[in-house]
Amino acid sequence: MSIALTSLFLAACSLDPRDYETTPVVVQTEAGPVTCQLYTHEQVIWDRAISRPNSMDVKTADNICLQEGQREKAGG
């Protein structure tokens, strides 16, 4: 397979998380609201916070969104 054809094939198969975005959801926490960008309900690895209270670090906010994605995946 030529390099050009291989590149074209890989570009056509690339995954862009934006193609799987759902409507953002807001999770209320003790520190304040965390807005989560969730993706398909079949997986949660891309779920992340897009807004968080200033007192909350990014990792904590992202973990809250991953938990919300898991909750929704389980049918909650």
N, C-alpha and C. Protein backbone atom coordinates (compact mmCIF):
# COMPACT_ATOMS: atom_id res chain seq x y z
N MET A 1 0.85 -1.17 0.00
CA MET A 1 0.00 0.00 0.00
C MET A 1 0.90 1.23 0.00
N SER A 2 0.61 2.19 -0.81
CA SER A 2 1.45 3.38 -0.89
C SER A 2 1.29 4.23 0.36
N ILE A 3 2.27 5.07 0.60
CA ILE A 3 2.24 5.95 1.77
C ILE A 3 1.04 6.90 1.70
N ALA A 4 0.76 7.44 0.52
CA ALA A 4 -0.36 8.37 0.37
C ALA A 4 -1.68 7.67 0.67
N LEU A 5 -1.85 6.46 0.19
CA LEU A 5 -3.09 5.72 0.42
C LEU A 5 -3.22 5.35 1.90
N THR A 6 -2.13 4.98 2.51
CA THR A 6 -2.14 4.65 3.93
C THR A 6 -2.51 5.88 4.75
N SER A 7 -1.94 7.03 4.41
CA SER A 7 -2.25 8.27 5.13
C SER A 7 -3.72 8.63 4.99
N LEU A 8 -4.25 8.49 3.78
CA LEU A 8 -5.66 8.79 3.54
C LEU A 8 -6.55 7.86 4.36
N PHE A 9 -6.22 6.58 4.41
CA PHE A 9 -6.98 5.61 5.17
C PHE A 9 -6.97 5.95 6.66
N LEU A 10 -5.81 6.27 7.19
CA LEU A 10 -5.69 6.60 8.61
C LEU A 10 -6.44 7.88 8.95
N ALA A 11 -6.41 8.86 8.06
CA ALA A 11 -7.13 10.11 8.29
C ALA A 11 -8.63 9.87 8.33
N ALA A 12 -9.12 9.00 7.48
CA ALA A 12 -10.54 8.70 7.43
C ALA A 12 -10.99 7.95 8.68
N CYS A 13 -10.10 7.23 9.33
CA CYS A 13 -10.44 6.42 10.50
C CYS A 13 -10.13 7.11 11.82
N SER A 14 -9.55 8.29 11.77
CA SER A 14 -9.15 8.94 13.01
C SER A 14 -10.38 9.28 13.85
N LEU A 15 -10.24 9.18 15.15
CA LEU A 15 -11.31 9.49 16.07
C LEU A 15 -11.17 10.91 16.57
N ASP A 16 -12.19 11.69 16.38
CA ASP A 16 -12.21 13.05 16.90
C ASP A 16 -13.28 13.08 17.99
N PRO A 17 -12.89 13.30 19.24
CA PRO A 17 -13.87 13.30 20.33
C PRO A 17 -15.05 14.24 20.08
N ARG A 18 -14.84 15.33 19.36
CA ARG A 18 -15.94 16.27 19.10
C ARG A 18 -17.10 15.62 18.37
N ASP A 19 -16.82 14.55 17.62
CA ASP A 19 -17.89 13.85 16.90
C ASP A 19 -18.81 13.08 17.84
N TYR A 20 -18.41 12.92 19.09
CA TYR A 20 -19.16 12.11 20.04
C TYR A 20 -19.67 12.89 21.25
N GLU A 21 -19.54 14.22 21.22
CA GLU A 21 -19.96 15.04 22.35
C GLU A 21 -21.47 14.96 22.57
N THR A 22 -21.85 14.93 23.83
CA THR A 22 -23.25 15.05 24.20
C THR A 22 -23.45 16.46 24.76
N THR A 23 -24.67 16.81 25.08
CA THR A 23 -24.93 18.10 25.70
C THR A 23 -24.23 18.14 27.06
N PRO A 24 -23.46 19.21 27.35
CA PRO A 24 -22.79 19.28 28.65
C PRO A 24 -23.78 19.17 29.81
N VAL A 25 -23.32 18.60 30.89
CA VAL A 25 -24.14 18.46 32.10
C VAL A 25 -23.45 19.17 33.26
N VAL A 26 -24.25 19.62 34.21
CA VAL A 26 -23.70 20.30 35.38
C VAL A 26 -23.89 19.38 36.59
N VAL A 27 -22.80 19.15 37.30
CA VAL A 27 -22.81 18.34 38.51
C VAL A 27 -22.60 19.29 39.69
N GLN A 28 -23.53 19.27 40.63
CA GLN A 28 -23.41 20.12 41.81
C GLN A 28 -22.50 19.45 42.83
N THR A 29 -21.49 20.17 43.29
CA THR A 29 -20.58 19.67 44.32
C THR A 29 -20.60 20.64 45.50
N GLU A 30 -19.99 20.25 46.61
CA GLU A 30 -19.90 21.15 47.76
C GLU A 30 -19.14 22.43 47.42
N ALA A 31 -18.18 22.33 46.51
CA ALA A 31 -17.38 23.49 46.13
C ALA A 31 -18.08 24.37 45.10
N GLY A 32 -19.13 23.84 44.48
CA GLY A 32 -19.85 24.58 43.45
C GLY A 32 -20.07 23.71 42.22
N PRO A 33 -20.69 24.27 41.20
CA PRO A 33 -21.03 23.48 40.01
C PRO A 33 -19.81 23.16 39.14
N VAL A 34 -19.79 21.93 38.63
CA VAL A 34 -18.78 21.48 37.67
C VAL A 34 -19.53 21.15 36.38
N THR A 35 -19.16 21.81 35.29
CA THR A 35 -19.78 21.52 33.99
C THR A 35 -18.93 20.48 33.29
N CYS A 36 -19.58 19.39 32.90
CA CYS A 36 -18.88 18.26 32.30
C CYS A 36 -19.23 18.10 30.83
N GLN A 37 -18.21 17.88 30.02
CA GLN A 37 -18.42 17.48 28.64
C GLN A 37 -18.32 15.98 28.61
N LEU A 38 -19.46 15.33 28.42
CA LEU A 38 -19.50 13.88 28.33
C LEU A 38 -19.57 13.49 26.86
N TYR A 39 -19.18 12.29 26.58
CA TYR A 39 -19.18 11.80 25.21
C TYR A 39 -20.14 10.61 25.12
N THR A 40 -19.89 9.65 24.33
CA THR A 40 -20.85 8.55 24.17
C THR A 40 -21.09 7.86 25.50
N HIS A 41 -22.24 7.21 25.61
CA HIS A 41 -22.56 6.50 26.85
C HIS A 41 -21.91 5.12 26.89
N GLU A 42 -21.22 4.74 25.82
CA GLU A 42 -20.56 3.43 25.78
C GLU A 42 -19.17 3.47 26.38
N GLN A 43 -18.58 4.65 26.49
CA GLN A 43 -17.24 4.78 27.07
C GLN A 43 -17.14 6.12 27.77
N VAL A 44 -16.19 6.26 28.68
CA VAL A 44 -16.08 7.51 29.43
C VAL A 44 -14.66 8.08 29.44
N ILE A 45 -13.77 7.50 28.67
CA ILE A 45 -12.36 7.91 28.77
C ILE A 45 -12.11 9.35 28.34
N TRP A 46 -13.01 9.94 27.53
CA TRP A 46 -12.81 11.34 27.10
C TRP A 46 -13.53 12.33 28.00
N ASP A 47 -14.41 11.87 28.89
CA ASP A 47 -15.20 12.78 29.72
C ASP A 47 -14.28 13.68 30.53
N ARG A 48 -14.66 14.98 30.56
CA ARG A 48 -13.79 15.95 31.24
C ARG A 48 -14.59 17.16 31.68
N ALA A 49 -14.00 17.93 32.59
CA ALA A 49 -14.63 19.17 33.05
C ALA A 49 -14.32 20.29 32.07
N ILE A 50 -15.33 21.10 31.77
CA ILE A 50 -15.09 22.28 30.93
C ILE A 50 -15.29 23.56 31.73
N SER A 51 -15.78 23.43 32.95
CA SER A 51 -15.91 24.56 33.86
C SER A 51 -15.92 24.00 35.28
N ARG A 52 -15.27 24.71 36.18
CA ARG A 52 -15.17 24.24 37.57
C ARG A 52 -15.02 25.43 38.49
N PRO A 53 -15.30 25.27 39.79
CA PRO A 53 -15.06 26.35 40.74
C PRO A 53 -13.57 26.67 40.82
N ASN A 54 -13.24 27.91 41.06
CA ASN A 54 -11.83 28.31 41.15
C ASN A 54 -11.08 27.57 42.26
N SER A 55 -11.80 27.15 43.28
CA SER A 55 -11.15 26.46 44.41
C SER A 55 -10.86 24.99 44.11
N MET A 56 -11.30 24.49 42.96
CA MET A 56 -11.14 23.07 42.63
C MET A 56 -10.07 22.91 41.54
N ASP A 57 -9.17 21.94 41.72
CA ASP A 57 -8.15 21.70 40.70
C ASP A 57 -8.75 20.90 39.53
N VAL A 58 -8.06 20.96 38.41
CA VAL A 58 -8.53 20.33 37.18
C VAL A 58 -8.73 18.82 37.35
N LYS A 59 -7.78 18.17 38.00
CA LYS A 59 -7.84 16.71 38.16
C LYS A 59 -9.09 16.31 38.94
N THR A 60 -9.39 17.03 40.00
CA THR A 60 -10.58 16.73 40.80
C THR A 60 -11.84 16.92 39.96
N ALA A 61 -11.91 18.01 39.23
CA ALA A 61 -13.08 18.28 38.38
C ALA A 61 -13.22 17.21 37.30
N ASP A 62 -12.12 16.84 36.68
CA ASP A 62 -12.18 15.79 35.66
C ASP A 62 -12.64 14.46 36.25
N ASN A 63 -12.19 14.15 37.46
CA ASN A 63 -12.62 12.91 38.12
C ASN A 63 -14.12 12.92 38.41
N ILE A 64 -14.65 14.08 38.79
CA ILE A 64 -16.09 14.20 39.01
C ILE A 64 -16.83 13.91 37.71
N CYS A 65 -16.31 14.40 36.59
CA CYS A 65 -16.95 14.17 35.29
C CYS A 65 -16.83 12.71 34.87
N LEU A 66 -15.71 12.09 35.15
CA LEU A 66 -15.57 10.67 34.84
C LEU A 66 -16.58 9.85 35.65
N GLN A 67 -16.77 10.22 36.92
CA GLN A 67 -17.76 9.53 37.75
C GLN A 67 -19.17 9.75 37.21
N GLU A 68 -19.45 10.97 36.76
CA GLU A 68 -20.78 11.25 36.19
C GLU A 68 -20.98 10.45 34.90
N GLY A 69 -19.94 10.35 34.09
CA GLY A 69 -20.02 9.54 32.87
C GLY A 69 -20.29 8.08 33.20
N GLN A 70 -19.62 7.57 34.21
CA GLN A 70 -19.84 6.18 34.65
C GLN A 70 -21.27 5.99 35.13
N ARG A 71 -21.76 6.98 35.90
CA ARG A 71 -23.13 6.91 36.42
C ARG A 71 -24.14 6.85 35.27
N GLU A 72 -23.95 7.72 34.27
CA GLU A 72 -24.85 7.73 33.13
C GLU A 72 -24.71 6.46 32.28
N LYS A 73 -23.48 5.97 32.16
CA LYS A 73 -23.25 4.73 31.42
C LYS A 73 -24.01 3.56 32.05
N ALA A 74 -24.07 3.57 33.37
CA ALA A 74 -24.75 2.51 34.10
C ALA A 74 -26.27 2.67 34.08
N GLY A 75 -26.73 3.77 33.46
CA GLY A 75 -28.16 3.98 33.33
C GLY A 75 -28.75 4.91 34.38
N GLY A 76 -27.88 5.62 35.09
CA GLY A 76 -28.33 6.49 36.17
C GLY A 76 -28.79 7.80 35.81
